[in-house]
C-alpha atoms as a PDB file:
ATOM      1  CA  MET A   1     156.634  76.771 -31.585  1.00  0.00           C
ATOM      2  CA  GLN A   2     153.603  75.417 -33.419  1.00  0.00           C
ATOM      3  CA  GLY A   3     153.116  72.839 -30.662  1.00  0.00           C
ATOM      4  CA  ALA A   4     153.132  75.570 -28.027  1.00  0.00           C
ATOM      5  CA  ARG A   5     150.628  77.599 -30.047  1.00  0.00           C
ATOM      6  CA  ASP A   6     148.369  74.561 -30.436  1.00  0.00           C
ATOM      7  CA  ARG A   7     148.532  73.914 -26.680  1.00  0.00           C
ATOM      8  CA  LEU A   8     147.604  77.521 -25.877  1.00  0.00           C
ATOM      9  CA  GLN A   9     144.690  77.400 -28.318  1.00  0.00           C
ATOM     10  CA  ARG A  10     143.467  74.119 -26.816  1.00  0.00           C
ATOM     11  CA  GLU A  11     143.714  75.546 -23.297  1.00  0.00           C
ATOM     12  CA  GLN A  12     141.763  78.648 -24.328  1.00  0.00           C
ATOM     13  CA  ARG A  13     139.095  76.497 -25.985  1.00  0.00           C
ATOM     14  CA  ASP A  14     138.854  74.418 -22.790  1.00  0.00           C
ATOM     15  CA  ARG A  15     138.437  77.552 -20.670  1.00  0.00           C
ATOM     16  CA  SER A  16     135.772  78.866 -23.032  1.00  0.00           C
ATOM     17  CA  TRP A  17     133.921  75.534 -22.840  1.00  0.00           C
ATOM     18  CA  LEU A  18     134.021  75.683 -19.053  1.00  0.00           C
ATOM     19  CA  ALA A  19     132.839  79.301 -18.852  1.00  0.00           C
ATOM     20  CA  TRP A  20     129.954  78.629 -21.259  1.00  0.00           C
ATOM     21  CA  HIS A  21     128.796  75.601 -19.289  1.00  0.00           C
ATOM     22  CA  VAL A  22     129.034  77.388 -15.940  1.00  0.00           C
ATOM     23  CA  ALA A  23     126.887  80.228 -17.289  1.00  0.00           C
ATOM     24  CA  ALA A  24     124.401  77.805 -18.867  1.00  0.00           C
ATOM     25  CA  LEU A  25     124.056  75.750 -15.679  1.00  0.00           C
ATOM     26  CA  MET A  26     123.506  78.905 -13.618  1.00  0.00           C
ATOM     27  CA  ARG A  27     120.471  79.682 -15.805  1.00  0.00           C
ATOM     28  CA  ALA A  28     119.103  76.129 -15.742  1.00  0.00           C
ATOM     29  CA  ASP A  29     115.934  75.452 -13.775  1.00  0.00           C
ATOM     30  CA  GLN A  30     117.144  71.956 -12.992  1.00  0.00           C
ATOM     31  CA  ILE A  31     120.748  70.760 -13.093  1.00  0.00           C
ATOM     32  CA  PRO A  32     121.195  67.499 -15.028  1.00  0.00           C
ATOM     33  CA  ASP A  33     122.507  64.406 -13.284  1.00  0.00           C
ATOM     34  CA  PHE A  34     126.295  64.487 -13.347  1.00  0.00           C
ATOM     35  CA  THR A  35     126.656  61.073 -15.010  1.00  0.00           C
ATOM     36  CA  GLN A  36     124.367  62.167 -17.855  1.00  0.00           C
ATOM     37  CA  PHE A  37     126.124  65.508 -18.207  1.00  0.00           C
ATOM     38  CA  VAL A  38     129.716  64.257 -18.436  1.00  0.00           C
ATOM     39  CA  GLU A  39     130.872  62.612 -21.666  1.00  0.00           C
ATOM     40  CA  GLY A  40     131.997  59.015 -21.840  1.00  0.00           C
ATOM     41  CA  ALA A  41     131.616  56.005 -19.652  1.00  0.00           C
ATOM     42  CA  ALA A  42     133.597  55.327 -16.523  1.00  0.00           C
ATOM     43  CA  ALA A  43     136.983  53.832 -17.249  1.00  0.00           C
ATOM     44  CA  LYS A  44     137.502  50.217 -16.317  1.00  0.00           C
ATOM     45  CA  PRO A  45     140.566  49.399 -14.222  1.00  0.00           C
ATOM     46  CA  GLN A  46     143.464  47.957 -16.196  1.00  0.00           C
ATOM     47  CA  PRO A  47     144.673  44.504 -15.204  1.00  0.00           C
ATOM     48  CA  PRO A  48     148.182  44.389 -13.704  1.00  0.00           C
ATOM     49  CA  GLU A  49     149.474  42.542 -16.786  1.00  0.00           C
ATOM     50  CA  VAL A  50     148.437  45.417 -19.053  1.00  0.00           C
ATOM     51  CA  GLN A  51     149.975  47.990 -16.706  1.00  0.00           C
ATOM     52  CA  LYS A  52     153.249  46.078 -16.598  1.00  0.00           C
ATOM     53  CA  ALA A  53     153.342  45.769 -20.402  1.00  0.00           C
ATOM     54  CA  MET A  54     152.804  49.524 -20.747  1.00  0.00           C
ATOM     55  CA  VAL A  55     155.575  50.309 -18.255  1.00  0.00           C
ATOM     56  CA  LEU A  56     157.982  47.992 -20.058  1.00  0.00           C
ATOM     57  CA  ALA A  57     157.109  49.531 -23.432  1.00  0.00           C
ATOM     58  CA  LEU A  58     157.729  53.043 -22.078  1.00  0.00           C
ATOM     59  CA  ALA A  59     160.992  51.944 -20.487  1.00  0.00           C
ATOM     60  CA  ARG A  60     162.203  50.509 -23.807  1.00  0.00           C
ATOM     61  CA  ALA A  61     161.096  53.631 -25.678  1.00  0.00           C
ATOM     62  CA  TRP A  62     163.005  55.808 -23.213  1.00  0.00           C
ATOM     63  CA  GLY A  63     166.107  53.651 -23.408  1.00  0.00           C
ATOM     64  CA  ALA A  64     166.043  52.134 -19.941  1.00  0.00           C
ATOM     65  CA  ASP A  65     168.499  49.304 -19.379  1.00  0.00           C
ATOM     66  CA  GLU A  66     166.626  47.808 -16.444  1.00  0.00           C
ATOM     67  CA  VAL A  67     163.151  48.005 -14.940  1.00  0.00           C
ATOM     68  CA  THR A  68     162.687  47.030 -11.315  1.00  0.00           C
END
């Protein structure tokens, strides 16, 4: 139940963050460039070898006998 409570709190915090930013941007004289406004850099594509390794690791963790 604690996990569910934590999820609900995180979702409420996310909604509050969104509402605050919508209100702040509505009052702004000039809207910032989207790339400067959003956190973090763009994700780089993963090479196929890394994707395959991740799939195999998940399959083993979930008890799969075979991965095709």
